[in-house]
Protein backbone atom coordinates (compact mmCIF):
# COMPACT_ATOMS: atom_id res chain seq x y z
CA MET A 1 16.98 -11.36 -1.57
CA SER A 2 20.11 -11.23 0.58
CA ASP A 3 22.69 -14.03 -0.01
CA THR A 4 22.78 -16.14 3.39
CA PRO A 5 21.03 -19.54 3.22
CA ASP A 6 17.93 -20.22 4.62
CA SER A 7 18.96 -23.16 6.39
CA ALA A 8 21.78 -20.69 8.20
CA VAL A 9 19.32 -19.09 9.65
CA ARG A 10 17.09 -21.91 10.55
CA ASP A 11 20.10 -23.73 12.47
CA ALA A 12 21.15 -20.78 14.70
CA VAL A 13 17.36 -20.09 15.57
CA THR A 14 16.98 -24.11 16.22
CA SER A 15 20.42 -23.85 18.43
CA GLY A 16 19.06 -21.11 20.53
CA PHE A 17 15.53 -21.99 20.98
CA PRO A 18 15.69 -24.04 24.05
CA ARG A 19 17.52 -21.15 26.28
CA PHE A 20 15.04 -18.92 24.51
CA LEU A 21 11.83 -21.17 25.75
CA ASP A 22 13.17 -21.17 29.57
CA GLU A 23 14.13 -17.28 29.33
CA LEU A 24 10.66 -16.80 27.89
CA ARG A 25 8.23 -18.91 30.67
CA GLU A 26 10.56 -16.73 33.82
CA TRP A 27 9.28 -13.78 31.86
CA LEU A 28 6.22 -14.82 31.35
CA ARG A 29 6.42 -15.95 35.61
CA ILE A 30 5.75 -12.00 36.81
CA PRO A 31 2.07 -10.94 36.40
CA SER A 32 2.90 -7.28 35.25
CA VAL A 33 -0.95 -6.29 35.09
CA SER A 34 -0.67 -2.79 34.08
CA ALA A 35 -4.47 -2.51 35.02
CA ASP A 36 -4.26 -3.22 38.82
CA PRO A 37 -2.40 -1.10 40.80
CA GLN A 38 -1.34 -3.52 42.66
CA HIS A 39 1.04 -5.13 40.40
CA ALA A 40 2.57 -1.82 39.71
CA ALA A 41 5.52 -3.27 41.07
CA ASP A 42 5.56 -6.97 39.20
CA VAL A 43 5.56 -4.05 35.77
CA ASP A 44 8.85 -2.37 37.16
CA ARG A 45 10.05 -6.21 37.63
CA SER A 46 9.19 -6.96 34.44
CA ALA A 47 10.96 -3.87 32.88
CA ARG A 48 13.67 -4.49 34.43
CA TRP A 49 13.79 -8.36 33.61
CA LEU A 50 13.34 -7.51 30.31
CA ALA A 51 16.57 -4.81 30.33
CA GLU A 52 18.71 -7.02 31.58
CA SER A 53 17.87 -9.81 29.26
CA LEU A 54 18.64 -7.30 26.24
CA ARG A 55 22.07 -6.24 27.68
CA ARG A 56 22.82 -10.08 27.81
CA THR A 57 21.64 -10.56 24.38
CA GLY A 58 24.08 -8.06 22.98
CA PHE A 59 22.44 -4.64 23.05
CA PRO A 60 25.06 -1.83 23.77
CA THR A 61 22.23 0.93 24.96
CA VAL A 62 19.23 -0.45 27.58
CA GLU A 63 17.72 2.50 29.33
CA VAL A 64 14.29 1.31 31.49
CA TRP A 65 12.01 4.88 30.84
CA GLU A 66 9.71 5.95 33.65
CA THR A 67 6.73 8.14 32.87
CA GLU A 68 3.98 9.24 34.80
CA GLY A 69 2.44 5.92 35.01
CA LEU A 70 4.59 2.56 34.40
CA PRO A 71 7.92 1.76 32.94
CA ALA A 72 9.06 1.11 28.83
CA VAL A 73 12.25 -0.30 27.55
CA PHE A 74 14.32 0.95 25.18
CA ALA A 75 17.41 -0.26 23.97
CA HIS A 76 19.46 0.60 21.18
CA TRP A 77 22.04 -1.72 18.69
CA PRO A 78 23.72 0.12 16.19
CA ALA A 79 24.80 -0.93 13.12
CA ALA A 80 28.56 -1.08 11.83
CA GLU A 81 27.59 0.32 8.39
CA ALA A 82 27.14 4.21 9.00
CA ASP A 83 24.50 4.31 6.03
CA ALA A 84 22.62 1.59 6.85
CA PRO A 85 18.96 2.22 7.83
CA THR A 86 17.71 1.66 11.26
CA VAL A 87 14.56 0.00 12.58
CA LEU A 88 12.31 0.75 15.78
CA VAL A 89 10.66 -2.60 17.12
CA TYR A 90 7.59 -1.90 18.82
CA GLY A 91 5.70 -4.04 22.02
CA HIS A 92 4.45 -4.16 25.02
CA HIS A 93 5.56 -6.17 28.38
CA ASP A 94 2.16 -5.44 30.57
CA VAL A 95 -0.35 -8.30 30.39
CA GLN A 96 -4.16 -8.15 30.71
CA PRO A 97 -5.62 -9.43 34.46
CA ALA A 98 -5.74 -13.19 34.57
CA GLU A 99 -7.00 -15.61 37.57
CA ARG A 100 -7.59 -19.18 37.72
CA SER A 101 -10.97 -18.76 38.37
CA ASP A 102 -11.89 -16.67 35.33
CA GLY A 103 -11.84 -20.21 33.39
CA TRP A 104 -7.76 -21.56 33.13
CA ASP A 105 -6.99 -25.06 33.41
CA CYS A 106 -3.66 -23.92 34.47
CA GLU A 107 -2.19 -20.94 36.67
CA PRO A 108 -1.91 -18.00 34.11
CA PHE A 109 1.13 -16.50 35.41
CA GLU A 110 2.91 -20.71 35.35
CA PRO A 111 3.63 -21.47 32.15
CA THR A 112 2.40 -24.94 30.75
CA GLU A 113 3.42 -26.72 27.39
CA ARG A 114 1.11 -28.85 25.99
CA GLU A 115 0.95 -31.10 22.77
CA GLY A 116 3.36 -27.36 21.08
CA ARG A 117 1.49 -24.80 22.73
CA LEU A 118 2.93 -22.53 25.41
CA PHE A 119 -0.14 -21.64 27.92
CA ALA A 120 0.53 -18.06 29.96
CA ARG A 121 -1.13 -15.24 29.87
CA GLY A 122 1.17 -13.12 27.70
CA ALA A 123 2.54 -15.59 25.83
CA ALA A 124 1.36 -14.14 22.50
CA ASP A 125 -0.10 -10.70 23.87
CA ASP A 126 2.93 -9.57 23.80
CA LYS A 127 5.19 -10.99 25.71
CA GLY A 128 6.36 -13.92 23.30
CA GLN A 129 5.66 -11.75 20.16
CA VAL A 130 8.50 -9.30 21.67
CA TYR A 131 10.50 -12.03 23.34
CA PHE A 132 11.67 -13.51 19.75
CA HIS A 133 13.28 -10.38 18.55
CA THR A 134 16.18 -11.79 20.77
CA LEU A 135 16.46 -14.75 19.40
CA GLY A 136 15.98 -13.13 15.98
CA VAL A 137 19.09 -11.21 16.34
CA THR A 138 21.48 -13.33 17.74
CA ALA A 139 20.63 -15.78 15.01
CA HIS A 140 20.70 -13.27 12.38
CA LEU A 141 24.65 -12.62 13.66
CA ALA A 142 25.28 -16.39 13.70
CA ALA A 143 24.25 -16.92 10.41
CA THR A 144 25.58 -13.67 8.91
CA GLY A 145 29.19 -14.01 11.05
CA ARG A 146 28.29 -10.13 11.69
CA THR A 147 29.30 -8.80 15.18
CA ALA A 148 26.35 -6.20 14.69
CA PRO A 149 23.12 -6.00 13.14
CA ALA A 150 22.84 -5.13 9.44
CA VAL A 151 20.44 -2.29 10.53
CA GLY A 152 20.41 0.08 13.23
CA LEU A 153 18.12 -1.77 15.70
CA LYS A 154 16.28 -0.17 18.66
CA LEU A 155 13.32 -0.95 20.87
CA LEU A 156 10.74 0.81 22.52
CA ILE A 157 8.85 -1.90 24.72
CA GLU A 158 6.08 -0.13 26.66
CA GLY A 159 4.56 -0.78 29.67
CA GLU A 160 1.12 0.63 30.10
CA GLU A 161 -0.57 -1.02 26.39
CA GLU A 162 -3.27 -3.02 27.87
CA SER A 163 -4.38 0.18 30.09
CA GLY A 164 -4.80 2.51 26.48
CA SER A 165 -1.26 3.43 26.04
CA PRO A 166 -2.32 6.71 28.14
CA HIS A 167 1.31 7.85 28.50
CA PHE A 168 2.76 6.45 25.67
CA PRO A 169 2.60 9.98 22.88
CA ALA A 170 4.27 11.86 25.64
CA LEU A 171 7.04 9.40 25.81
CA VAL A 172 7.46 9.40 21.89
CA ARG A 173 7.47 13.05 21.91
CA ALA A 174 9.83 13.22 25.00
CA HIS A 175 12.20 10.89 23.49
CA ALA A 176 11.65 11.35 19.16
CA ASP A 177 15.03 12.31 18.96
CA ARG A 178 16.55 8.53 20.60
CA LEU A 179 13.65 6.98 18.70
CA GLU A 180 14.59 8.37 15.26
CA CYS A 181 14.21 5.68 12.57
CA ASP A 182 13.54 4.83 9.03
CA VAL A 183 10.89 2.48 9.59
CA ALA A 184 8.82 1.21 12.71
CA LEU A 185 7.87 -2.39 13.31
CA ILE A 186 5.09 -3.55 15.29
CA SER A 187 5.11 -6.66 17.35
CA ASP A 188 1.95 -6.77 18.87
CA THR A 189 -0.51 -8.20 16.10
CA GLY A 190 -1.02 -11.51 14.18
CA MET A 191 -1.90 -13.92 11.43
CA TRP A 192 -4.87 -15.18 9.28
CA ALA A 193 -3.81 -18.97 10.27
CA ALA A 194 -1.26 -20.92 10.92
CA ASP A 195 -1.58 -22.34 7.20
CA THR A 196 -2.01 -18.56 6.13
CA PRO A 197 0.60 -16.67 7.07
CA THR A 198 0.23 -12.71 6.68
CA VAL A 199 1.00 -9.15 6.81
CA CYS A 200 -1.42 -6.85 8.59
CA THR A 201 -0.63 -3.43 6.00
CA GLY A 202 -2.74 -0.86 8.56
CA MET A 203 -4.91 -0.93 11.45
CA ARG A 204 -7.59 1.71 11.73
CA GLY A 205 -7.90 4.44 14.08
CA LEU A 206 -10.86 5.33 16.94
CA ILE A 207 -13.01 8.24 18.15
CA ASP A 208 -15.32 7.20 21.00
CA CYS A 209 -17.30 9.49 22.77
CA GLN A 210 -20.58 10.34 25.35
CA ILE A 211 -23.65 12.35 24.64
CA ASP A 212 -25.48 13.10 27.55
CA LEU A 213 -28.41 14.53 27.16
CA SER A 214 -31.08 16.69 29.75
CA GLY A 215 -35.13 17.96 28.91
CA PRO A 216 -36.74 18.73 31.82
CA ALA A 217 -35.49 19.72 35.61
CA GLN A 218 -36.65 15.95 37.02
CA ASP A 219 -38.29 13.36 35.90
CA ILE A 220 -42.12 14.24 35.07
CA HIS A 221 -45.75 12.44 34.37
CA SER A 222 -45.59 11.05 31.07
CA GLY A 223 -49.95 11.67 31.24
CA SER A 224 -49.86 15.10 32.38
CA PHE A 225 -46.95 16.14 29.98
CA GLY A 226 -46.03 13.73 27.60
CA GLY A 227 -46.49 14.47 23.67
CA ALA A 228 -46.40 17.97 24.86
CA VAL A 229 -42.65 18.41 26.07
CA PRO A 230 -39.14 16.98 24.46
CA ASN A 231 -38.21 13.51 25.77
CA PRO A 232 -34.35 13.26 26.17
CA ALA A 233 -34.56 9.38 26.25
CA GLU A 234 -36.29 9.93 22.87
CA ALA A 235 -34.11 11.99 21.52
CA ALA A 236 -30.99 9.54 22.36
CA ALA A 237 -32.82 7.18 20.07
CA THR A 238 -33.52 9.47 17.60
CA LEU A 239 -29.63 10.23 17.35
CA ALA A 240 -28.63 6.62 17.11
CA ALA A 241 -31.00 5.82 14.26
CA ALA A 242 -30.24 9.18 12.48
CA LEU A 243 -26.53 7.87 12.76
CA HIS A 244 -26.52 5.84 9.26
CA ASP A 245 -28.47 6.02 6.46
CA GLU A 246 -30.43 2.90 3.94
CA ARG A 247 -27.03 2.02 2.67
CA ARG A 248 -25.52 1.81 6.19
CA ARG A 249 -22.99 4.66 5.09
CA VAL A 250 -22.04 7.26 8.19
CA THR A 251 -24.41 10.00 7.95
CA VAL A 252 -22.17 12.28 9.96
CA PRO A 253 -21.32 15.47 7.03
CA GLY A 254 -17.90 15.19 5.80
CA PHE A 255 -17.07 11.72 7.53
CA TYR A 256 -16.06 9.98 4.52
CA ASP A 257 -13.77 13.26 3.41
CA GLY A 258 -10.35 12.45 1.85
CA ILE A 259 -10.46 8.31 2.48
CA VAL A 260 -8.14 6.54 0.62
CA GLU A 261 -10.54 3.51 -0.91
CA LEU A 262 -8.88 0.32 -1.15
CA THR A 263 -7.42 -0.75 -4.21
CA GLU A 264 -9.13 -3.34 -7.11
CA GLU A 265 -5.63 -5.10 -5.84
CA GLU A 266 -5.86 -4.41 -2.37
CA ARG A 267 -9.77 -6.33 -2.79
CA ARG A 268 -8.19 -8.91 -4.67
CA PHE A 269 -6.11 -10.03 -2.20
CA PHE A 270 -8.32 -9.63 0.90
CA ALA A 271 -10.63 -11.68 -1.46
CA GLU A 272 -8.31 -14.54 -1.42
CA LEU A 273 -7.95 -15.45 1.84
CA PRO A 274 -10.26 -18.39 2.80
CA PHE A 275 -12.63 -16.51 4.67
CA ASP A 276 -15.92 -18.71 6.33
CA GLU A 277 -18.11 -16.07 7.20
CA SER A 278 -20.27 -18.58 8.69
CA ALA A 279 -17.79 -19.64 11.20
CA TRP A 280 -16.91 -15.96 11.38
CA LEU A 281 -20.74 -15.27 12.29
CA ARG A 282 -20.11 -18.06 15.44
CA THR A 283 -17.21 -16.48 16.14
CA ALA A 284 -19.26 -13.04 16.46
CA HIS A 285 -22.30 -14.92 18.38
CA SER A 286 -24.11 -13.32 15.41
CA GLY A 287 -26.92 -14.37 13.61
CA ALA A 288 -26.21 -12.15 10.33
CA THR A 289 -24.31 -9.76 8.78
CA LEU A 290 -24.86 -6.14 8.43
CA GLY A 291 -22.78 -3.20 7.16
CA GLU A 292 -22.06 -0.90 4.58
CA GLU A 293 -23.55 -1.75 1.05
CA GLY A 294 -21.22 -2.70 -1.63
CA TYR A 295 -18.12 -4.03 0.34
CA SER A 296 -17.58 -7.51 1.53
CA THR A 297 -17.40 -8.35 5.25
CA LEU A 298 -13.32 -8.26 5.52
CA GLU A 299 -13.00 -5.08 3.94
CA ARG A 300 -16.10 -3.58 5.99
CA ILE A 301 -14.30 -4.57 9.50
CA TRP A 302 -10.63 -3.71 8.18
CA ALA A 303 -11.04 -0.89 5.53
CA ARG A 304 -14.20 1.17 6.00
CA PRO A 305 -14.80 3.72 8.35
CA THR A 306 -17.77 2.68 11.17
CA ALA A 307 -19.76 4.33 13.54
CA GLU A 308 -21.09 2.06 16.17
CA VAL A 309 -24.13 2.84 19.12
CA ASN A 310 -21.91 1.53 22.24
CA GLY A 311 -24.31 2.58 24.95
CA ILE A 312 -28.01 3.61 25.15
CA GLY A 313 -29.79 4.59 28.05
CA GLY A 314 -31.99 6.99 30.02
CA GLY A 315 -35.49 6.55 31.92
CA TYR A 316 -36.85 3.78 34.51
CA GLN A 317 -34.91 0.78 33.92
CA GLY A 318 -36.71 -1.26 37.12
CA PRO A 319 -39.39 -3.96 36.87
CA GLY A 320 -42.85 -3.08 35.69
CA GLY A 321 -43.59 -0.03 33.91
CA LYS A 322 -43.30 3.73 35.10
CA THR A 323 -45.24 6.37 33.21
CA ILE A 324 -42.45 9.21 33.04
CA VAL A 325 -40.80 11.58 30.76
CA PRO A 326 -37.17 11.18 32.07
CA ALA A 327 -35.30 14.30 32.70
CA THR A 328 -32.24 12.29 31.19
CA ALA A 329 -30.70 10.43 28.74
CA GLN A 330 -27.29 8.93 27.38
CA LEU A 331 -25.64 7.93 24.49
CA LYS A 332 -22.28 6.20 23.85
CA LEU A 333 -20.26 6.34 20.20
CA SER A 334 -17.36 4.81 18.74
CA PHE A 335 -15.98 5.58 15.06
CA ARG A 336 -13.68 3.75 13.26
CA THR A 337 -11.34 5.48 11.04
CA VAL A 338 -9.44 4.61 8.18
CA ALA A 339 -6.21 6.19 6.15
CA GLY A 340 -6.94 10.06 5.15
CA GLN A 341 -9.73 10.50 7.36
CA ASP A 342 -9.12 13.77 9.46
CA GLN A 343 -9.67 13.11 13.11
CA GLU A 344 -10.19 16.60 14.71
CA ARG A 345 -12.94 17.61 11.61
CA ILE A 346 -14.64 14.54 12.33
CA GLN A 347 -15.21 15.51 15.87
CA GLN A 348 -16.56 19.02 14.65
CA SER A 349 -18.79 17.73 12.28
CA LEU A 350 -20.25 15.49 14.88
CA ARG A 351 -20.45 18.35 17.64
CA ASP A 352 -22.66 20.18 14.79
CA TRP A 353 -24.38 17.15 13.81
CA VAL A 354 -25.37 16.35 17.31
CA ALA A 355 -26.67 19.96 17.82
CA ALA A 356 -28.57 20.44 14.52
CA THR A 357 -30.35 17.02 14.90
CA LEU A 358 -31.49 17.10 18.70
CA PRO A 359 -35.07 19.41 19.05
CA ALA A 360 -35.05 22.24 20.71
CA GLY A 361 -35.34 22.19 25.21
CA VAL A 362 -32.85 19.31 24.99
CA ARG A 363 -29.31 20.27 26.15
CA HIS A 364 -26.44 18.00 25.50
CA GLU A 365 -22.99 17.65 26.13
CA LEU A 366 -20.59 15.67 24.05
CA THR A 367 -17.33 14.44 25.51
CA PHE A 368 -14.53 12.72 23.93
CA TRP A 369 -12.79 9.96 25.72
CA GLY A 370 -9.48 10.17 22.68
CA SER A 371 -8.58 10.04 19.25
CA THR A 372 -6.12 7.23 17.94
CA ARG A 373 -4.92 8.09 14.22
CA PRO A 374 -5.16 5.10 11.68
CA CYS A 375 -2.23 3.97 9.88
CA LEU A 376 -1.59 2.32 6.48
CA THR A 377 1.63 1.08 4.65
CA PRO A 378 1.44 1.04 1.03
CA LEU A 379 1.75 -2.06 -1.03
CA ASP A 380 4.78 -1.15 -2.90
CA HIS A 381 6.71 0.81 -0.27
CA PRO A 382 10.09 -1.25 -0.29
CA ALA A 383 10.23 -1.90 3.44
CA LEU A 384 6.88 -3.60 3.52
CA ARG A 385 8.10 -5.84 0.26
CA ALA A 386 11.81 -6.75 2.67
CA LEU A 387 9.04 -8.04 5.16
CA VAL A 388 6.87 -10.38 2.77
CA THR A 389 10.74 -11.35 1.57
CA ALA A 390 11.72 -12.33 4.85
CA MET A 391 8.31 -13.98 6.14
CA GLY A 392 8.15 -16.06 2.87
CA ARG A 393 11.76 -17.54 3.56
CA ALA A 394 10.69 -18.29 7.53
CA PHE A 395 7.50 -20.00 6.22
CA GLU A 396 8.54 -21.02 2.93
CA GLN A 397 5.14 -19.85 1.48
CA PRO A 398 3.72 -17.23 -0.36
CA ILE A 399 2.72 -14.13 2.33
CA ARG A 400 -0.85 -12.86 2.08
CA PHE A 401 -1.93 -9.29 3.42
CA THR A 402 -4.90 -8.40 5.96
CA ARG A 403 -5.49 -5.05 8.10
CA GLU A 404 -6.59 -4.90 11.32
CA GLY A 405 -9.88 -3.79 12.13
CA GLY A 406 -8.99 -2.42 15.82
CA SER A 407 -6.68 0.22 16.46
CA GLY A 408 -3.60 0.97 18.28
CA PRO A 409 -0.47 3.01 19.41
CA ALA A 410 1.02 2.12 16.03
CA ALA A 411 -0.09 5.64 14.69
CA ASP A 412 1.06 7.37 17.47
CA LEU A 413 4.86 6.05 16.13
CA GLN A 414 3.45 6.91 12.69
CA ASP A 415 2.60 10.28 13.14
CA ILE A 416 5.47 11.74 15.74
CA LEU A 417 8.52 9.52 13.94
CA GLY A 418 7.45 10.78 10.53
CA VAL A 419 7.79 6.96 9.41
CA PRO A 420 6.25 3.65 7.97
CA VAL A 421 4.43 0.94 10.03
CA LEU A 422 5.47 -2.53 9.58
CA PHE A 423 3.59 -5.67 11.43
CA LEU A 424 5.20 -8.64 12.04
CA GLY A 425 3.06 -10.75 14.40
CA ILE A 426 2.86 -14.62 14.34
CA SER A 427 -0.38 -14.96 16.67
CA ILE A 428 -3.63 -16.92 15.72
CA PRO A 429 -6.78 -16.14 16.10
CA SER A 430 -7.26 -19.31 18.88
CA ASP A 431 -4.33 -17.53 21.08
CA GLY A 432 -7.16 -16.45 22.97
CA TRP A 433 -5.52 -12.98 23.50
CA HIS A 434 -7.47 -11.36 27.06
CA ALA A 435 -8.96 -14.79 27.49
CA PRO A 436 -8.58 -17.82 29.56
CA ASN A 437 -5.86 -20.32 28.49
CA GLU A 438 -3.77 -18.03 26.41
CA LYS A 439 -1.36 -19.78 24.17
CA VAL A 440 1.36 -19.08 21.72
CA GLU A 441 2.19 -21.90 19.02
CA ILE A 442 5.38 -22.87 20.08
CA ASP A 443 6.22 -23.56 16.31
CA LEU A 444 4.84 -19.94 15.45
CA LEU A 445 7.66 -18.33 17.99
CA ARG A 446 10.49 -20.10 15.74
CA LYS A 447 8.93 -18.98 12.38
CA GLY A 448 8.85 -15.40 14.21
CA ALA A 449 12.48 -15.53 15.34
CA GLU A 450 13.63 -16.45 11.59
CA ALA A 451 11.47 -13.70 10.15
CA ALA A 452 12.82 -11.53 12.03
CA ALA A 453 16.72 -12.84 11.41
CA HIS A 454 15.71 -12.68 7.92
CA LEU A 455 14.62 -8.98 7.71
CA TRP A 456 17.46 -7.07 9.33
CA GLU A 457 19.29 -8.33 6.43
CA GLU A 458 17.04 -7.79 3.89
CA LEU A 459 16.40 -3.93 4.94
CA GLY A 460 19.98 -3.46 5.53
CA ALA A 461 20.56 -4.76 1.75
CA HIS A 462 17.54 -3.11 -0.21
CA LEU A 463 16.03 0.16 2.04
CA ARG A 464 18.05 3.13 1.64
CA PRO A 465 17.24 5.35 4.41
CA ALA A 466 16.93 8.35 2.35
CA SER A 467 14.12 6.33 1.10
CA ALA A 468 12.36 5.30 3.80
CA ARG A 469 12.84 8.81 5.65
CA ARG A 470 10.19 10.63 2.92
CA PRO A 471 7.39 12.43 5.03
CA THR A 472 5.00 9.54 5.73
CA THR A 473 1.15 9.94 5.68
CA PRO A 474 -1.84 8.07 5.56
CA GLY A 475 -2.37 7.15 2.42
CA PRO A 476 -0.46 5.81 -0.85
């Protein structure tokens, strides 16, 4: 643990917090909706607002990086020590669409404070969590008496995350030399609960695809031809039903090859979380759980690979009956992957499995929409230990561990830059990401800034650059 008193950091954060909140409200008023072309100018305005704010914070290098889509912001503040590690902070400044008519109790782009919460689109996802880093680095400098951070600090804040980050991998590859670092820190995630602070250690990957099936050249009479020719809708149902075995394991050959299994320590950490399965089911709007045998619900959604039927259709869907053998059918599938799985090999295995499962006479076309790799940082990594220490100092209690069941651009940073990925997020489930009345707990913004301030000193003191630059692969 570093020598700077926790009280010094807390006092520095408290001193700068009113200005921080005023500036965050100003940023939140910019409707930087990346999905809507009519807001492209607002996304650009958001990037330039952030760039100017980072200059005021003290970053000596701040640039707006254009892409084929919407702009990102890059900033760099070198450490005074030449041998200090370098950290790249990732977040995004674009937001989801929001209208008062969606069910908001206030104007979504007019920040409103009530009962210690700040309501606005982007308050938690992700402007609030990006912006606490400005207060964090200011408090770090004030508390330590430094004129530069204890680590080389880089920021990359993209403008298209809410639109699937279509240009992000190319952006990272194009600027890989400028983005060189020892560890990447993602501040676009959350914690278990306000009274149960946690650190995420990994995210699952994603493969999604569409299978278009065709049989007869047109819809044909089921009385004259049914039972004697293959039916594409039945073939779609057969594929969907064959996707899992009786233990709810995915049947695509080789799907589990290379998987990094959960350790007993990780299973114990997950089991220690105050998980209420009945409450979780209510949130899921489901009447029961179902999944791979031998694993808990949290293990299934965080650390096990899955396959889902996202959509299935074909044939007549109107009122009443229409006795046909349909000409076409369609199946949409998605696969969540975990560390150790080979995304490209899974795609090829799926192609082979579909071709082998379909009956003769049913033609198919398989289209993959994209692929996001999983990422995982082992529990014993020194950078992760530094983050847990920093979070513990800010929250004044033990820090527990989670993973994320979803997928994001963190793996691009891990794979392209070859560094481990950490997650520092303070949002909680009730913040309502993507929903009406999105909010952030104001006190947790304060804690996030404290954790960031501690983290730069912890990493600077205990992470040697050579130890973090070792090749990083999804696994222990």
